[in-house]
């Protein structure tokens, strides 16, 4: 990573440092900009999970409201912090990582939502407790591991996107040409916006695509506003709304692995943001940041939501706006909490037709896979052991998705792990990385924190 800051030194004034507080008339629009940039990714997770688990529109509305509410709290934990206890105290936004989507769907289909929440809660506690020793644990999650995992995550989720594009799995009009056409139209809009726009408009291309696609879908009779009409204007997010959490060892192991992987992602973002704002985080600050990630996941499980991690999507806005203060993200956190308390607003997201969501998520999931490939591009491919690690992780990870019945006769615990692509890939990559590279992992003093290429400018 380059030592120079990503922002011109001339902008480094007393009124534009990490801890400066801007006037509200400037703070609010900047905070809202961050919310808009992450909104599509944030609401996509409860929409996908709710649809995959067969929840009704009212339940999905509550999931979205809980998600936005907890996103806000999690963002405040990181950007504002709690004294010297936790929080990276940098301008970062938290939301649910797509890495967690596929494992949660697998757990939810087998055991239900309450087991998802129980697994998320315990995984969050484990991550928070591991924060002080994470500097040692992180060496296991080198780029060959994280790159393989993230690639498999993106590839395995494409089936979810295609099912939505066809009208939603189990729908009466599944595969109707009108559904495919609407999904293709939404995808085209997103691609056009990315080609012909720049800056902030380009950063919210997916959100714009969802809005335009929904408008077109309404003329095709695919939009139902009954859920919006029935939703209340105000609702306090209730802990354990769907029931008391259920704790199962296989679910906990699965979500703990996911938590460790997303924490590695977060470390990369912390270091990149620290470079952007000219405040490189110390080891102590990184520990506080990981601890906040764990507590955010714990809160996700309590408030009927998901495991949260720092979003890299919002880092680009720091470069575009040239505003470094963390209080912009504090303001964004407040906006998210407010939105989470308004179910009628959350219900608007449930009006998005499945084909529109499918067309948009196809891009998003594809980008997840590409991110994994970009991380793998930093791996030394001249070493045959690295090739074997990647090949084995990807093959086993995708094998469970391509031929899920292959493991039908195994005990349930192993069946669930092997059928769940990302987790199978993660376990395979971790074990083989230790087997082939144990000397490098445990003897080198050089830290291993993969930073996405688009952040290391």
Protein backbone atom coordinates (compact mmCIF):
# COMPACT_ATOMS: atom_id res chain seq x y z
CA UNK A 1 0.00 0.00 0.00
CA UNK A 2 1.33 3.40 -0.94
CA UNK A 3 2.35 5.71 1.88
CA UNK A 4 0.88 8.80 0.33
CA UNK A 5 -2.71 9.68 1.13
CA UNK A 6 -5.42 9.16 -1.45
CA UNK A 7 -6.68 12.68 -0.88
CA UNK A 8 -4.78 15.78 -1.87
CA UNK A 9 -2.80 17.19 1.04
CA UNK A 10 -4.36 20.62 0.46
CA UNK A 11 -7.65 19.39 1.90
CA UNK A 12 -6.02 18.57 5.23
CA UNK A 13 -7.34 21.42 7.33
CA UNK A 14 -8.57 21.66 10.90
CA UNK A 15 -12.11 21.65 9.56
CA UNK A 16 -11.57 18.49 7.51
CA UNK A 17 -9.94 15.95 9.79
CA UNK A 18 -11.38 12.71 11.11
CA UNK A 19 -12.76 14.22 14.33
CA UNK A 20 -14.10 17.53 12.96
CA UNK A 21 -17.86 18.15 13.13
CA UNK A 22 -19.43 19.90 10.14
CA UNK A 23 -22.58 22.06 10.28
CA UNK A 24 -25.75 19.96 10.05
CA UNK A 25 -26.70 21.52 6.69
CA UNK A 26 -23.53 19.94 5.26
CA UNK A 27 -23.46 16.85 7.45
CA UNK A 28 -26.95 15.60 6.60
CA UNK A 29 -26.68 15.52 2.77
CA UNK A 30 -23.23 13.92 3.02
CA UNK A 31 -24.61 11.29 5.42
CA UNK A 32 -27.63 10.69 3.19
CA UNK A 33 -25.28 10.19 0.24
CA UNK A 34 -23.59 7.34 2.12
CA UNK A 35 -26.98 5.79 2.93
CA UNK A 36 -28.04 5.91 -0.73
CA UNK A 37 -24.75 4.35 -1.84
CA UNK A 38 -25.22 1.31 0.42
CA UNK A 39 -29.04 1.08 0.46
CA UNK A 40 -29.47 -1.35 -2.43
CA UNK A 41 -26.93 -3.76 -0.97
CA UNK A 42 -28.44 -3.43 2.50
CA UNK A 43 -32.06 -4.19 1.56
CA UNK A 44 -31.06 -6.93 -0.91
CA UNK A 45 -30.01 -9.25 1.92
CA UNK A 46 -33.36 -9.39 3.79
CA UNK A 47 -35.22 -9.54 0.46
CA UNK A 48 -33.14 -12.50 -0.73
CA UNK A 49 -33.19 -14.29 2.62
CA UNK A 50 -36.90 -13.71 3.18
CA UNK A 51 -37.76 -14.90 -0.31
CA UNK A 52 -35.56 -18.00 -0.01
CA UNK A 53 -37.17 -18.96 3.31
CA UNK A 54 -40.71 -18.36 2.08
CA UNK A 55 -41.55 -15.48 4.41
CA UNK A 56 -44.61 -13.33 3.69
CA UNK A 57 -44.42 -9.64 2.77
CA UNK A 58 -45.16 -8.51 6.34
CA UNK A 59 -42.32 -10.61 7.76
CA UNK A 60 -39.92 -9.43 5.06
CA UNK A 61 -40.88 -5.83 5.84
CA UNK A 62 -39.95 -6.42 9.48
CA UNK A 63 -36.65 -7.98 8.39
CA UNK A 64 -35.83 -4.92 6.28
CA UNK A 65 -36.77 -2.52 9.08
CA UNK A 66 -34.68 -4.49 11.58
CA UNK A 67 -31.80 -4.58 9.10
CA UNK A 68 -31.78 -0.81 8.54
CA UNK A 69 -32.16 -0.14 12.28
CA UNK A 70 -29.27 -2.43 13.22
CA UNK A 71 -27.14 -1.15 10.33
CA UNK A 72 -27.43 2.27 11.95
CA UNK A 73 -26.47 1.04 15.41
CA UNK A 74 -23.55 -0.99 14.02
CA UNK A 75 -22.32 2.03 12.03
CA UNK A 76 -22.40 4.18 15.18
CA UNK A 77 -20.41 1.53 17.07
CA UNK A 78 -17.61 1.77 14.51
CA UNK A 79 -17.63 5.42 13.44
CA UNK A 80 -18.47 7.04 16.80
CA UNK A 81 -17.21 4.26 19.04
CA UNK A 82 -17.68 3.62 22.74
CA UNK A 83 -14.86 5.36 24.60
CA UNK A 84 -11.67 3.30 24.58
CA UNK A 85 -13.63 0.04 24.54
CA UNK A 86 -14.53 -0.43 20.88
CA UNK A 87 -14.88 1.22 17.50
CA UNK A 88 -12.30 2.05 14.82
CA UNK A 89 -13.49 5.71 14.92
CA UNK A 90 -13.04 6.22 11.20
CA UNK A 91 -15.62 7.16 8.52
CA UNK A 92 -16.99 3.66 7.82
CA UNK A 93 -20.46 2.20 7.21
CA UNK A 94 -21.60 -1.26 8.31
CA UNK A 95 -24.08 -3.58 6.57
CA UNK A 96 -24.56 -7.30 6.04
CA UNK A 97 -21.91 -8.88 3.83
CA UNK A 98 -23.11 -11.08 0.96
CA UNK A 99 -20.67 -13.70 2.22
CA UNK A 100 -23.19 -14.47 4.97
CA UNK A 101 -26.22 -14.82 2.67
CA UNK A 102 -25.75 -18.34 1.35
CA UNK A 103 -24.83 -19.88 4.75
CA UNK A 104 -27.81 -18.18 6.39
CA UNK A 105 -30.18 -19.51 3.72
CA UNK A 106 -28.81 -23.01 4.27
CA UNK A 107 -29.23 -22.80 8.06
CA UNK A 108 -32.66 -21.18 7.73
CA UNK A 109 -34.01 -23.81 5.35
CA UNK A 110 -32.85 -26.59 7.64
CA UNK A 111 -33.66 -25.15 11.08
CA UNK A 112 -35.46 -21.83 10.70
CA UNK A 113 -34.76 -18.16 11.42
CA UNK A 114 -34.24 -18.60 15.15
CA UNK A 115 -31.26 -20.90 14.53
CA UNK A 116 -29.76 -18.29 12.20
CA UNK A 117 -30.01 -15.73 14.99
CA UNK A 118 -28.59 -18.09 17.60
CA UNK A 119 -25.63 -18.86 15.34
CA UNK A 120 -25.05 -15.16 14.59
CA UNK A 121 -25.14 -14.25 18.28
CA UNK A 122 -22.55 -16.84 19.33
CA UNK A 123 -20.34 -16.09 16.30
CA UNK A 124 -20.41 -12.39 17.22
CA UNK A 125 -19.39 -13.14 20.81
CA UNK A 126 -16.55 -15.37 19.60
CA UNK A 127 -15.30 -12.67 17.21
CA UNK A 128 -15.39 -10.02 19.95
CA UNK A 129 -13.44 -12.30 22.29
CA UNK A 130 -10.92 -13.12 19.56
CA UNK A 131 -10.25 -9.44 18.83
CA UNK A 132 -7.09 -9.18 21.01
CA UNK A 133 -5.51 -12.23 19.36
CA UNK A 134 -6.81 -11.58 15.86
CA UNK A 135 -3.41 -10.39 14.73
CA UNK A 136 -2.22 -13.98 15.00
CA UNK A 137 -5.36 -15.65 13.69
CA UNK A 138 -5.47 -13.40 10.62
CA UNK A 139 -2.34 -14.97 9.16
CA UNK A 140 -4.34 -18.11 8.39
CA UNK A 141 -6.69 -16.01 6.24
CA UNK A 142 -4.14 -15.03 3.61
CA UNK A 143 -5.24 -13.88 0.12
CA UNK A 144 -5.25 -17.46 -1.21
CA UNK A 145 -7.95 -18.28 1.38
CA UNK A 146 -10.06 -15.11 1.22
CA UNK A 147 -9.83 -14.91 -2.57
CA UNK A 148 -10.98 -18.51 -3.01
CA UNK A 149 -13.84 -18.06 -0.56
CA UNK A 150 -15.14 -14.78 -1.99
CA UNK A 151 -14.97 -16.19 -5.54
CA UNK A 152 -17.07 -19.19 -4.51
CA UNK A 153 -19.52 -16.91 -2.65
CA UNK A 154 -20.17 -14.86 -5.78
CA UNK A 155 -20.46 -17.89 -8.07
CA UNK A 156 -22.74 -19.82 -5.71
CA UNK A 157 -25.09 -16.88 -5.28
CA UNK A 158 -25.71 -16.53 -9.03
CA UNK A 159 -28.31 -19.31 -8.79
CA UNK A 160 -30.25 -17.13 -6.34
CA UNK A 161 -30.11 -14.21 -8.78
CA UNK A 162 -31.26 -16.37 -11.71
CA UNK A 163 -34.17 -17.81 -9.71
CA UNK A 164 -35.30 -14.27 -8.91
CA UNK A 165 -34.84 -13.18 -12.53
CA UNK A 166 -37.15 -16.00 -13.62
CA UNK A 167 -39.86 -14.82 -11.22
CA UNK A 168 -38.84 -16.35 -7.91
CA UNK A 169 -38.43 -20.03 -7.12
CA UNK A 170 -41.82 -21.68 -6.74
CA UNK A 171 -43.81 -18.86 -8.34
CA UNK A 172 -46.65 -19.74 -10.72
CA UNK A 173 -45.12 -17.80 -13.61
CA UNK A 174 -41.55 -18.99 -13.06
CA UNK A 175 -39.60 -18.69 -16.31
CA UNK A 176 -42.17 -16.45 -18.01
CA UNK A 177 -40.44 -14.51 -20.83
CA UNK A 178 -41.81 -11.27 -19.31
CA UNK A 179 -39.81 -11.97 -16.15
CA UNK A 180 -36.61 -12.61 -18.08
CA UNK A 181 -37.19 -9.46 -20.16
CA UNK A 182 -37.68 -7.28 -17.06
CA UNK A 183 -34.57 -8.73 -15.41
CA UNK A 184 -32.56 -8.09 -18.59
CA UNK A 185 -33.93 -4.53 -18.78
CA UNK A 186 -32.88 -3.83 -15.18
CA UNK A 187 -29.42 -5.25 -15.82
CA UNK A 188 -29.10 -3.11 -18.97
CA UNK A 189 -30.06 0.07 -17.10
CA UNK A 190 -27.39 -0.58 -14.48
CA UNK A 191 -24.73 -1.21 -17.13
CA UNK A 192 -25.68 1.93 -19.08
CA UNK A 193 -25.53 4.11 -15.95
CA UNK A 194 -22.10 2.70 -15.13
CA UNK A 195 -20.83 3.46 -18.62
CA UNK A 196 -22.21 6.97 -19.12
CA UNK A 197 -22.19 8.45 -15.62
CA UNK A 198 -19.49 9.27 -13.12
CA UNK A 199 -19.07 10.02 -9.44
CA UNK A 200 -22.01 9.63 -7.09
CA UNK A 201 -24.56 8.74 -9.78
CA UNK A 202 -22.35 5.88 -10.88
CA UNK A 203 -21.99 4.69 -7.27
CA UNK A 204 -25.79 4.33 -6.90
CA UNK A 205 -26.33 2.71 -10.30
CA UNK A 206 -27.84 -0.41 -8.72
CA UNK A 207 -30.29 1.66 -6.67
CA UNK A 208 -31.35 3.61 -9.77
CA UNK A 209 -31.74 0.35 -11.68
CA UNK A 210 -34.00 -1.03 -8.94
CA UNK A 211 -36.18 2.09 -9.01
CA UNK A 212 -36.51 2.25 -12.81
CA UNK A 213 -37.07 -1.51 -13.04
CA UNK A 214 -39.82 -1.34 -10.42
CA UNK A 215 -41.53 1.52 -12.28
CA UNK A 216 -41.49 -0.51 -15.51
CA UNK A 217 -42.66 -3.57 -13.56
CA UNK A 218 -45.64 -1.61 -12.24
CA UNK A 219 -46.82 -1.01 -15.83
CA UNK A 220 -46.50 -4.75 -16.38
CA UNK A 221 -48.73 -5.48 -13.37
CA UNK A 222 -45.91 -6.92 -11.26
CA UNK A 223 -45.99 -4.43 -8.36
CA UNK A 224 -48.26 -4.85 -5.37
CA UNK A 225 -48.52 -1.94 -2.91
CA UNK A 226 -50.79 -3.71 -0.43
CA UNK A 227 -47.85 -4.34 1.89
CA UNK A 228 -47.06 -0.62 1.96
CA UNK A 229 -50.67 0.30 2.69
CA UNK A 230 -50.87 -2.22 5.53
CA UNK A 231 -47.53 -1.25 7.11
CA UNK A 232 -47.53 1.16 10.05
CA UNK A 233 -45.70 4.47 10.13
CA UNK A 234 -43.84 3.69 13.35
CA UNK A 235 -42.65 0.44 14.89
CA UNK A 236 -40.08 -0.14 17.60
CA UNK A 237 -37.76 -2.97 16.61
CA UNK A 238 -38.40 -5.76 19.12
CA UNK A 239 -35.57 -8.10 20.18
CA UNK A 240 -36.20 -11.77 19.32
CA UNK A 241 -39.40 -10.92 17.42
CA UNK A 242 -39.36 -14.29 15.61
CA UNK A 243 -38.73 -16.25 18.81
CA UNK A 244 -35.93 -17.15 21.22
CA UNK A 245 -32.63 -17.96 19.50
CA UNK A 246 -31.77 -21.62 18.96
CA UNK A 247 -28.16 -22.73 19.23
CA UNK A 248 -26.76 -25.57 17.11
CA UNK A 249 -23.10 -26.46 16.82
CA UNK A 250 -23.07 -26.80 13.03
CA UNK A 251 -24.77 -23.42 12.55
CA UNK A 252 -22.41 -21.75 15.04
CA UNK A 253 -19.31 -23.18 13.33
CA UNK A 254 -20.62 -22.04 9.95
CA UNK A 255 -21.33 -18.46 11.05
CA UNK A 256 -18.08 -18.22 13.02
CA UNK A 257 -16.09 -19.01 9.87
CA UNK A 258 -18.13 -16.38 8.02
CA UNK A 259 -17.42 -13.87 10.81
CA UNK A 260 -13.68 -14.45 10.65
CA UNK A 261 -13.65 -13.99 6.88
CA UNK A 262 -15.68 -10.76 7.00
CA UNK A 263 -13.41 -9.50 9.78
CA UNK A 264 -10.41 -9.95 7.48
CA UNK A 265 -12.29 -7.91 4.86
CA UNK A 266 -12.96 -5.24 7.47
CA UNK A 267 -9.28 -5.00 8.39
CA UNK A 268 -8.45 -4.30 4.77
CA UNK A 269 -11.05 -1.52 4.68
CA UNK A 270 -9.81 -0.05 7.98
CA UNK A 271 -6.26 0.20 6.64
CA UNK A 272 -7.43 1.67 3.32
CA UNK A 273 -9.67 4.26 5.01
CA UNK A 274 -6.88 5.16 7.42
CA UNK A 275 -4.68 5.94 4.42
CA UNK A 276 -7.42 8.01 2.78
CA UNK A 277 -7.99 10.19 5.86
CA UNK A 278 -4.27 10.29 6.76
CA UNK A 279 -4.80 8.53 10.07
CA UNK A 280 -3.33 5.02 9.84
CA UNK A 281 -4.99 2.87 12.52
CA UNK A 282 -2.77 1.46 15.25
CA UNK A 283 -2.84 -2.18 16.29
CA UNK A 284 -4.92 -1.17 19.31
CA UNK A 285 -7.41 0.64 17.04
CA UNK A 286 -7.69 -2.41 14.78
CA UNK A 287 -8.47 -4.58 17.80
CA UNK A 288 -11.20 -2.13 18.84
CA UNK A 289 -12.56 -2.21 15.31
CA UNK A 290 -12.75 -6.02 15.26
CA UNK A 291 -14.37 -6.00 18.70
CA UNK A 292 -17.03 -3.62 17.38
CA UNK A 293 -17.58 -5.96 14.40
CA UNK A 294 -18.28 -8.78 16.86
CA UNK A 295 -20.67 -6.71 18.97
CA UNK A 296 -22.43 -5.54 15.79
CA UNK A 297 -23.03 -9.17 14.85
CA UNK A 298 -24.30 -9.90 18.35
CA UNK A 299 -26.79 -7.03 18.01
CA UNK A 300 -27.80 -8.35 14.59
CA UNK A 301 -28.84 -11.65 16.14
CA UNK A 302 -30.71 -9.94 18.97
CA UNK A 303 -32.64 -7.51 16.75
CA UNK A 304 -33.82 -10.10 14.18
CA UNK A 305 -31.18 -9.07 11.70
CA UNK A 306 -27.85 -10.27 10.31
CA UNK A 307 -24.09 -10.36 10.89
CA UNK A 308 -22.63 -6.97 10.02
CA UNK A 309 -19.32 -6.00 8.53
CA UNK A 310 -17.70 -2.80 7.27
CA UNK A 311 -18.86 -2.01 3.72
CA UNK A 312 -16.11 -1.34 1.18
CA UNK A 313 -18.71 0.12 -1.22
CA UNK A 314 -18.78 3.38 0.73
CA UNK A 315 -15.04 3.96 0.75
CA UNK A 316 -15.12 5.35 -2.79
CA UNK A 317 -17.37 8.20 -1.62
CA UNK A 318 -14.64 9.36 0.75
CA UNK A 319 -12.36 9.87 -2.24
CA UNK A 320 -15.08 11.50 -4.35
CA UNK A 321 -16.31 13.90 -1.65
CA UNK A 322 -12.87 14.61 -0.14
CA UNK A 323 -14.59 14.83 3.25
CA UNK A 324 -12.72 12.93 5.95
CA UNK A 325 -14.73 13.46 9.10
CA UNK A 326 -16.16 10.33 10.67
CA UNK A 327 -19.23 12.28 11.77
CA UNK A 328 -20.60 12.04 8.23
CA UNK A 329 -20.93 8.30 8.86
CA UNK A 330 -22.26 8.98 12.37
CA UNK A 331 -25.00 11.02 10.69
CA UNK A 332 -25.58 8.18 8.21
CA UNK A 333 -26.00 5.83 11.15
CA UNK A 334 -28.66 8.10 12.63
CA UNK A 335 -30.50 8.21 9.28
CA UNK A 336 -30.46 4.39 9.06
CA UNK A 337 -31.86 4.03 12.59
CA UNK A 338 -34.67 6.46 11.71
CA UNK A 339 -35.51 4.57 8.52
CA UNK A 340 -35.58 1.32 10.48
CA UNK A 341 -38.27 2.72 12.75
CA UNK A 342 -40.59 3.41 9.78
CA UNK A 343 -42.02 0.07 8.51
CA UNK A 344 -43.97 1.82 5.76
CA UNK A 345 -40.70 2.99 4.27
CA UNK A 346 -39.17 -0.47 4.65
CA UNK A 347 -42.25 -1.99 2.96
CA UNK A 348 -41.45 -0.05 -0.21
CA UNK A 349 -38.56 -2.43 -0.79
CA UNK A 350 -40.95 -5.41 -0.80
CA UNK A 351 -42.71 -3.95 -3.86
CA UNK A 352 -39.62 -4.61 -6.00
CA UNK A 353 -40.59 -7.39 -8.44
CA UNK A 354 -38.49 -10.56 -8.21
CA UNK A 355 -37.19 -10.18 -11.80
CA UNK A 356 -35.96 -6.65 -11.04
CA UNK A 357 -34.17 -7.88 -7.94
CA UNK A 358 -32.73 -10.76 -9.95
CA UNK A 359 -31.36 -8.47 -12.66
CA UNK A 360 -29.75 -6.19 -10.08
CA UNK A 361 -28.32 -8.91 -7.85
CA UNK A 362 -26.84 -10.68 -10.85
CA UNK A 363 -24.48 -7.70 -11.17
CA UNK A 364 -23.89 -7.49 -7.43
CA UNK A 365 -23.11 -11.18 -7.01
CA UNK A 366 -20.96 -11.14 -10.13
CA UNK A 367 -18.95 -8.31 -8.60
CA UNK A 368 -18.46 -10.38 -5.45
CA UNK A 369 -16.93 -13.15 -7.57
CA UNK A 370 -14.76 -10.64 -9.43
CA UNK A 371 -13.54 -9.20 -6.12
CA UNK A 372 -12.42 -12.68 -5.12
CA UNK A 373 -10.61 -13.11 -8.42
CA UNK A 374 -8.86 -9.78 -7.97
CA UNK A 375 -7.62 -10.87 -4.55
CA UNK A 376 -6.41 -14.14 -6.08
CA UNK A 377 -4.48 -12.10 -8.65
CA UNK A 378 -2.14 -11.03 -5.81
CA UNK A 379 -1.32 -14.68 -5.04
CA UNK A 380 1.93 -16.17 -6.37
CA UNK A 381 0.57 -18.54 -9.02
CA UNK A 382 4.07 -19.88 -9.73
CA UNK A 383 3.81 -21.90 -6.52
CA UNK A 384 2.00 -25.15 -7.27
CA UNK A 385 0.73 -25.37 -3.70
CA UNK A 386 -1.26 -22.14 -4.14
CA UNK A 387 -2.78 -23.50 -7.35
CA UNK A 388 -3.77 -26.68 -5.51
CA UNK A 389 -5.36 -24.70 -2.67
CA UNK A 390 -7.42 -22.57 -5.05
CA UNK A 391 -8.40 -25.50 -7.28
CA UNK A 392 -9.46 -27.68 -4.35
CA UNK A 393 -11.38 -24.91 -2.56
CA UNK A 394 -13.27 -23.78 -5.66
CA UNK A 395 -14.00 -27.32 -6.87
CA UNK A 396 -15.28 -28.55 -3.50
CA UNK A 397 -17.13 -25.28 -2.86
CA UNK A 398 -18.97 -25.37 -6.16
CA UNK A 399 -19.39 -29.16 -6.12
CA UNK A 400 -21.92 -28.97 -3.33
CA UNK A 401 -23.95 -26.47 -5.35
CA UNK A 402 -23.74 -28.32 -8.64
CA UNK A 403 -24.44 -31.79 -7.24
CA UNK A 404 -26.06 -31.31 -3.81
CA UNK A 405 -27.40 -34.89 -3.66
CA UNK A 406 -23.85 -36.25 -3.72
CA UNK A 407 -23.67 -35.83 0.07
CA UNK A 408 -27.20 -37.04 0.87
CA UNK A 409 -26.03 -40.18 2.70
CA UNK A 410 -23.56 -38.39 5.01
CA UNK A 411 -24.34 -37.49 8.66
CA UNK A 412 -26.29 -34.26 8.84
CA UNK A 413 -23.43 -32.11 10.18
CA UNK A 414 -21.05 -33.05 7.35
CA UNK A 415 -23.86 -32.92 4.81
CA UNK A 416 -24.68 -29.33 5.75
CA UNK A 417 -21.03 -28.20 5.67
CA UNK A 418 -20.27 -29.83 2.31
CA UNK A 419 -23.50 -28.73 0.63
CA UNK A 420 -22.88 -25.15 1.71
CA UNK A 421 -20.41 -23.99 -0.96
CA UNK A 422 -18.69 -21.04 0.75
CA UNK A 423 -18.16 -22.87 4.02
CA UNK A 424 -16.79 -25.97 2.27
CA UNK A 425 -14.46 -23.69 0.28
CA UNK A 426 -13.34 -21.82 3.41
CA UNK A 427 -12.59 -24.96 5.42
CA UNK A 428 -10.75 -26.55 2.48
CA UNK A 429 -8.67 -23.43 1.79
CA UNK A 430 -7.79 -22.90 5.47
CA UNK A 431 -6.71 -26.52 6.08
CA UNK A 432 -4.68 -26.72 2.86
CA UNK A 433 -3.11 -23.29 3.44
CA UNK A 434 -1.87 -24.43 6.85
CA UNK A 435 -0.71 -27.76 5.39
CA UNK A 436 1.26 -26.26 2.51
CA UNK A 437 2.35 -22.89 3.95
CA UNK A 438 2.61 -23.43 7.70
CA UNK A 439 6.20 -22.18 7.89
CA UNK A 440 5.36 -18.94 6.11
CA UNK A 441 2.18 -18.47 8.14
CA UNK A 442 3.66 -18.96 11.60
CA UNK A 443 7.22 -17.69 11.14
CA UNK A 444 6.83 -14.51 9.10
CA UNK A 445 6.31 -11.19 10.87
CA UNK A 446 4.81 -9.53 7.81
CA UNK A 447 1.07 -8.91 8.27
CA UNK A 448 -1.34 -10.40 5.75
CA UNK A 449 -4.31 -8.12 5.16
CA UNK A 450 -5.69 -8.24 1.60
CA UNK A 451 -6.87 -4.81 0.44
CA UNK A 452 -9.26 -4.67 -2.54
CA UNK A 453 -7.57 -3.22 -5.61
CA UNK A 454 -10.12 -0.44 -5.94
CA UNK A 455 -9.21 0.81 -2.46
CA UNK A 456 -5.44 0.68 -2.79
CA UNK A 457 -5.29 3.58 -5.22
